[in-house]
N, C-alpha and C. Protein backbone atom coordinates (compact mmCIF):
# COMPACT_ATOMS: atom_id res chain seq x y z
N MET A 1 67.10 4.89 243.22
CA MET A 1 66.07 4.96 242.21
C MET A 1 65.20 6.19 242.50
N THR A 2 64.96 6.98 241.49
CA THR A 2 64.15 8.17 241.66
C THR A 2 62.67 7.79 241.73
N MET A 3 61.85 8.72 242.21
CA MET A 3 60.41 8.47 242.29
C MET A 3 59.82 8.19 240.90
N SER A 4 60.29 8.89 239.88
CA SER A 4 59.76 8.65 238.53
C SER A 4 60.16 7.26 238.04
N GLU A 5 61.34 6.77 238.41
CA GLU A 5 61.76 5.42 238.04
C GLU A 5 60.90 4.37 238.75
N VAL A 6 60.62 4.60 240.03
CA VAL A 6 59.76 3.70 240.80
C VAL A 6 58.37 3.68 240.17
N SER A 7 57.86 4.85 239.82
CA SER A 7 56.55 4.96 239.20
C SER A 7 56.51 4.21 237.87
N ALA A 8 57.55 4.30 237.08
CA ALA A 8 57.61 3.60 235.79
C ALA A 8 57.60 2.09 235.99
N VAL A 9 58.34 1.60 236.99
CA VAL A 9 58.36 0.17 237.28
C VAL A 9 56.97 -0.29 237.72
N ASN A 10 56.31 0.47 238.61
CA ASN A 10 54.98 0.10 239.09
C ASN A 10 53.97 0.03 237.94
N ARG A 11 54.09 0.90 236.96
CA ARG A 11 53.17 0.88 235.82
C ARG A 11 53.34 -0.39 234.98
N LYS A 12 54.53 -0.98 235.00
CA LYS A 12 54.80 -2.16 234.19
C LYS A 12 54.43 -3.45 234.90
N LEU A 13 54.27 -3.43 236.20
CA LEU A 13 53.95 -4.65 236.94
C LEU A 13 52.53 -5.11 236.62
N SER A 14 52.34 -6.42 236.68
CA SER A 14 51.01 -6.98 236.50
C SER A 14 50.89 -8.24 237.34
N GLY A 15 49.67 -8.62 237.64
CA GLY A 15 49.45 -9.85 238.39
C GLY A 15 49.99 -11.05 237.63
N ARG A 16 49.77 -11.09 236.34
CA ARG A 16 50.25 -12.20 235.52
C ARG A 16 51.77 -12.33 235.61
N MET A 17 52.46 -11.19 235.51
CA MET A 17 53.92 -11.19 235.55
C MET A 17 54.43 -11.65 236.92
N LEU A 18 53.87 -11.10 238.00
CA LEU A 18 54.33 -11.46 239.34
C LEU A 18 53.98 -12.91 239.68
N ASN A 19 52.83 -13.37 239.22
CA ASN A 19 52.41 -14.75 239.42
C ASN A 19 53.47 -15.71 238.86
N LYS A 20 53.93 -15.40 237.67
CA LYS A 20 54.95 -16.24 237.02
C LYS A 20 56.31 -16.06 237.69
N LEU A 21 56.71 -14.82 237.91
CA LEU A 21 58.03 -14.50 238.48
C LEU A 21 58.21 -15.13 239.87
N TRP A 22 57.17 -15.05 240.69
CA TRP A 22 57.26 -15.55 242.06
C TRP A 22 56.78 -17.00 242.21
N GLY A 23 56.41 -17.64 241.10
CA GLY A 23 56.03 -19.05 241.12
C GLY A 23 54.78 -19.35 241.93
N VAL A 24 53.81 -18.45 241.92
CA VAL A 24 52.59 -18.61 242.72
C VAL A 24 51.65 -19.64 242.10
N ASP A 25 51.55 -19.70 240.80
CA ASP A 25 50.73 -20.66 240.08
C ASP A 25 49.23 -20.48 240.31
N ALA A 26 48.79 -19.23 240.46
CA ALA A 26 47.36 -18.94 240.58
C ALA A 26 46.74 -19.00 239.18
N LYS A 27 45.47 -19.39 239.11
CA LYS A 27 44.77 -19.41 237.82
C LYS A 27 44.31 -18.01 237.41
N HIS A 28 44.16 -17.10 238.38
CA HIS A 28 43.79 -15.71 238.10
C HIS A 28 44.62 -14.85 239.05
N ALA A 29 45.36 -13.92 238.50
CA ALA A 29 46.26 -13.09 239.29
C ALA A 29 46.02 -11.62 238.97
N LEU A 30 45.77 -10.82 240.01
CA LEU A 30 45.50 -9.40 239.84
C LEU A 30 46.48 -8.58 240.66
N TYR A 31 46.82 -7.41 240.15
CA TYR A 31 47.82 -6.53 240.78
C TYR A 31 47.24 -5.15 241.03
N HIS A 32 47.63 -4.57 242.17
CA HIS A 32 47.37 -3.15 242.43
C HIS A 32 48.55 -2.60 243.22
N LYS A 33 49.01 -1.42 242.83
CA LYS A 33 50.22 -0.85 243.44
C LYS A 33 50.08 -0.59 244.93
N ASP A 34 48.87 -0.32 245.43
CA ASP A 34 48.65 -0.07 246.86
C ASP A 34 48.07 -1.28 247.58
N GLY A 35 47.68 -2.30 246.84
CA GLY A 35 47.12 -3.50 247.44
C GLY A 35 45.73 -3.32 248.01
N CYS A 36 45.00 -2.30 247.54
CA CYS A 36 43.69 -1.98 248.11
C CYS A 36 42.51 -2.19 247.17
N TRP A 37 42.70 -2.04 245.88
CA TRP A 37 41.59 -2.12 244.93
C TRP A 37 41.95 -3.03 243.78
N TYR A 38 41.04 -3.92 243.42
CA TYR A 38 41.26 -4.87 242.34
C TYR A 38 39.96 -5.10 241.58
N ASN A 39 40.06 -5.61 240.36
CA ASN A 39 38.90 -6.20 239.72
C ASN A 39 38.59 -7.46 240.51
N ASN A 40 37.51 -8.14 240.20
CA ASN A 40 37.15 -9.34 240.95
C ASN A 40 37.85 -10.58 240.38
N LEU A 41 38.27 -11.44 241.30
CA LEU A 41 38.84 -12.73 240.89
C LEU A 41 37.73 -13.59 240.30
N LYS A 42 38.03 -14.29 239.23
CA LYS A 42 37.05 -15.12 238.54
C LYS A 42 37.42 -16.60 238.53
N ARG A 43 38.72 -16.93 238.64
CA ARG A 43 39.19 -18.32 238.60
C ARG A 43 40.05 -18.58 239.84
N PHE A 44 40.01 -19.82 240.30
CA PHE A 44 40.69 -20.15 241.55
C PHE A 44 41.53 -21.40 241.39
N PRO A 45 42.65 -21.48 242.13
CA PRO A 45 43.09 -20.51 243.11
C PRO A 45 43.40 -19.16 242.44
N GLY A 46 43.05 -18.11 243.15
CA GLY A 46 43.28 -16.75 242.68
C GLY A 46 44.21 -16.02 243.64
N ALA A 47 44.90 -15.01 243.14
CA ALA A 47 45.85 -14.28 243.98
C ALA A 47 45.76 -12.78 243.72
N LEU A 48 45.89 -12.03 244.79
CA LEU A 48 45.97 -10.57 244.72
C LEU A 48 47.42 -10.19 245.05
N PHE A 49 48.00 -9.35 244.22
CA PHE A 49 49.40 -8.95 244.36
C PHE A 49 49.53 -7.46 244.61
N ASP A 50 50.56 -7.08 245.36
CA ASP A 50 51.03 -5.70 245.43
C ASP A 50 52.53 -5.76 245.11
N PRO A 51 53.25 -4.66 245.12
CA PRO A 51 54.66 -4.71 244.71
C PRO A 51 55.56 -5.55 245.63
N ARG A 52 55.11 -5.83 246.85
CA ARG A 52 55.96 -6.51 247.81
C ARG A 52 55.51 -7.92 248.19
N GLY A 53 54.37 -8.36 247.67
CA GLY A 53 53.91 -9.69 248.03
C GLY A 53 52.53 -10.00 247.49
N TYR A 54 51.92 -11.04 248.07
CA TYR A 54 50.63 -11.50 247.55
C TYR A 54 49.87 -12.29 248.60
N VAL A 55 48.60 -12.50 248.32
CA VAL A 55 47.74 -13.38 249.12
C VAL A 55 46.96 -14.26 248.16
N VAL A 56 46.85 -15.55 248.51
CA VAL A 56 46.18 -16.52 247.65
C VAL A 56 44.84 -16.93 248.27
N PHE A 57 43.84 -17.06 247.43
CA PHE A 57 42.53 -17.59 247.81
C PHE A 57 42.39 -18.91 247.07
N GLU A 58 42.37 -20.01 247.80
CA GLU A 58 42.31 -21.34 247.18
C GLU A 58 40.98 -21.57 246.47
N THR A 59 39.88 -21.05 247.06
CA THR A 59 38.56 -21.27 246.49
C THR A 59 37.79 -19.96 246.41
N GLU A 60 36.76 -19.95 245.59
CA GLU A 60 35.89 -18.78 245.50
C GLU A 60 35.23 -18.51 246.85
N ASP A 61 34.88 -19.56 247.57
CA ASP A 61 34.26 -19.41 248.88
C ASP A 61 35.20 -18.71 249.86
N ASP A 62 36.48 -19.08 249.85
CA ASP A 62 37.48 -18.41 250.71
C ASP A 62 37.53 -16.92 250.41
N TYR A 63 37.50 -16.59 249.14
CA TYR A 63 37.57 -15.21 248.66
C TYR A 63 36.32 -14.43 249.08
N LEU A 64 35.15 -14.97 248.80
CA LEU A 64 33.90 -14.25 249.09
C LEU A 64 33.61 -14.12 250.58
N LYS A 65 34.08 -15.06 251.37
CA LYS A 65 33.80 -15.04 252.81
C LYS A 65 34.91 -14.41 253.65
N SER A 66 35.98 -13.96 253.02
CA SER A 66 37.07 -13.32 253.77
C SER A 66 36.57 -12.04 254.43
N ILE A 67 36.85 -11.89 255.71
CA ILE A 67 36.45 -10.66 256.42
C ILE A 67 37.33 -9.47 256.05
N HIS A 68 38.43 -9.72 255.32
CA HIS A 68 39.36 -8.65 254.95
C HIS A 68 39.08 -8.09 253.56
N VAL A 69 38.19 -8.74 252.83
CA VAL A 69 37.92 -8.38 251.43
C VAL A 69 36.45 -8.05 251.27
N ARG A 70 36.18 -6.95 250.59
CA ARG A 70 34.80 -6.60 250.26
C ARG A 70 34.64 -6.73 248.75
N VAL A 71 33.80 -7.68 248.34
CA VAL A 71 33.60 -7.94 246.91
C VAL A 71 32.24 -7.41 246.49
N THR A 72 32.25 -6.42 245.62
CA THR A 72 31.03 -5.88 245.01
C THR A 72 31.28 -5.88 243.51
N GLN A 73 31.14 -4.75 242.85
CA GLN A 73 31.50 -4.66 241.43
C GLN A 73 33.00 -4.75 241.25
N GLU A 74 33.73 -4.49 242.32
CA GLU A 74 35.17 -4.64 242.35
C GLU A 74 35.57 -5.16 243.73
N THR A 75 36.83 -5.45 243.91
CA THR A 75 37.32 -5.97 245.18
C THR A 75 38.06 -4.87 245.93
N ASN A 76 37.66 -4.66 247.18
CA ASN A 76 38.29 -3.65 248.01
C ASN A 76 38.88 -4.31 249.24
N VAL A 77 40.14 -3.97 249.54
CA VAL A 77 40.82 -4.44 250.75
C VAL A 77 41.19 -3.17 251.51
N ALA A 78 40.40 -2.83 252.52
CA ALA A 78 40.48 -1.53 253.18
C ALA A 78 41.89 -1.14 253.62
N HIS A 79 42.63 -2.04 254.22
CA HIS A 79 43.96 -1.69 254.73
C HIS A 79 45.08 -2.27 253.88
N GLY A 80 44.74 -2.82 252.73
CA GLY A 80 45.73 -3.40 251.83
C GLY A 80 45.99 -4.87 252.15
N ILE A 81 46.38 -5.60 251.13
CA ILE A 81 46.58 -7.04 251.31
C ILE A 81 47.74 -7.34 252.25
N SER A 82 48.67 -6.42 252.42
CA SER A 82 49.82 -6.68 253.31
C SER A 82 49.40 -6.82 254.77
N CYS A 83 48.21 -6.39 255.12
CA CYS A 83 47.69 -6.52 256.49
C CYS A 83 46.90 -7.81 256.68
N MET A 84 46.71 -8.58 255.63
CA MET A 84 45.90 -9.79 255.72
C MET A 84 46.71 -10.98 256.23
N PRO A 85 46.07 -11.85 257.03
CA PRO A 85 46.73 -13.12 257.37
C PRO A 85 46.96 -13.91 256.07
N GLY A 86 48.06 -14.56 255.99
CA GLY A 86 48.37 -15.32 254.78
C GLY A 86 49.13 -14.53 253.72
N TYR A 87 49.34 -13.23 253.96
CA TYR A 87 50.12 -12.42 253.02
C TYR A 87 51.55 -12.93 253.00
N LYS A 88 52.07 -13.15 251.83
CA LYS A 88 53.45 -13.62 251.67
C LYS A 88 54.29 -12.48 251.12
N ARG A 89 55.19 -11.99 251.95
CA ARG A 89 56.07 -10.90 251.55
C ARG A 89 57.26 -11.48 250.79
N ILE A 90 57.59 -10.84 249.67
CA ILE A 90 58.73 -11.24 248.87
C ILE A 90 59.85 -10.25 249.13
N GLU A 91 60.96 -10.78 249.57
CA GLU A 91 62.14 -9.91 249.88
C GLU A 91 62.95 -9.64 248.64
């Protein structure tokens, strides 16, 4: 697959699509290609996705108190969700 083909696939991915495809069943699902920046989760359980996996937050409290996530006007995960405990990699 060429880089432009990979880029085209990444543009089509969404949290909603991966949530359904991977059977996560989150009430709010967000996607980012690098796993570092997201809008804020509003409904729980909520999940953050990247192209290779996801992390689920069962409650808003789990999300807001996570030491790996900085929630302000948006959600920032400094080293990406793949570095977080609880990250589920999809092969």
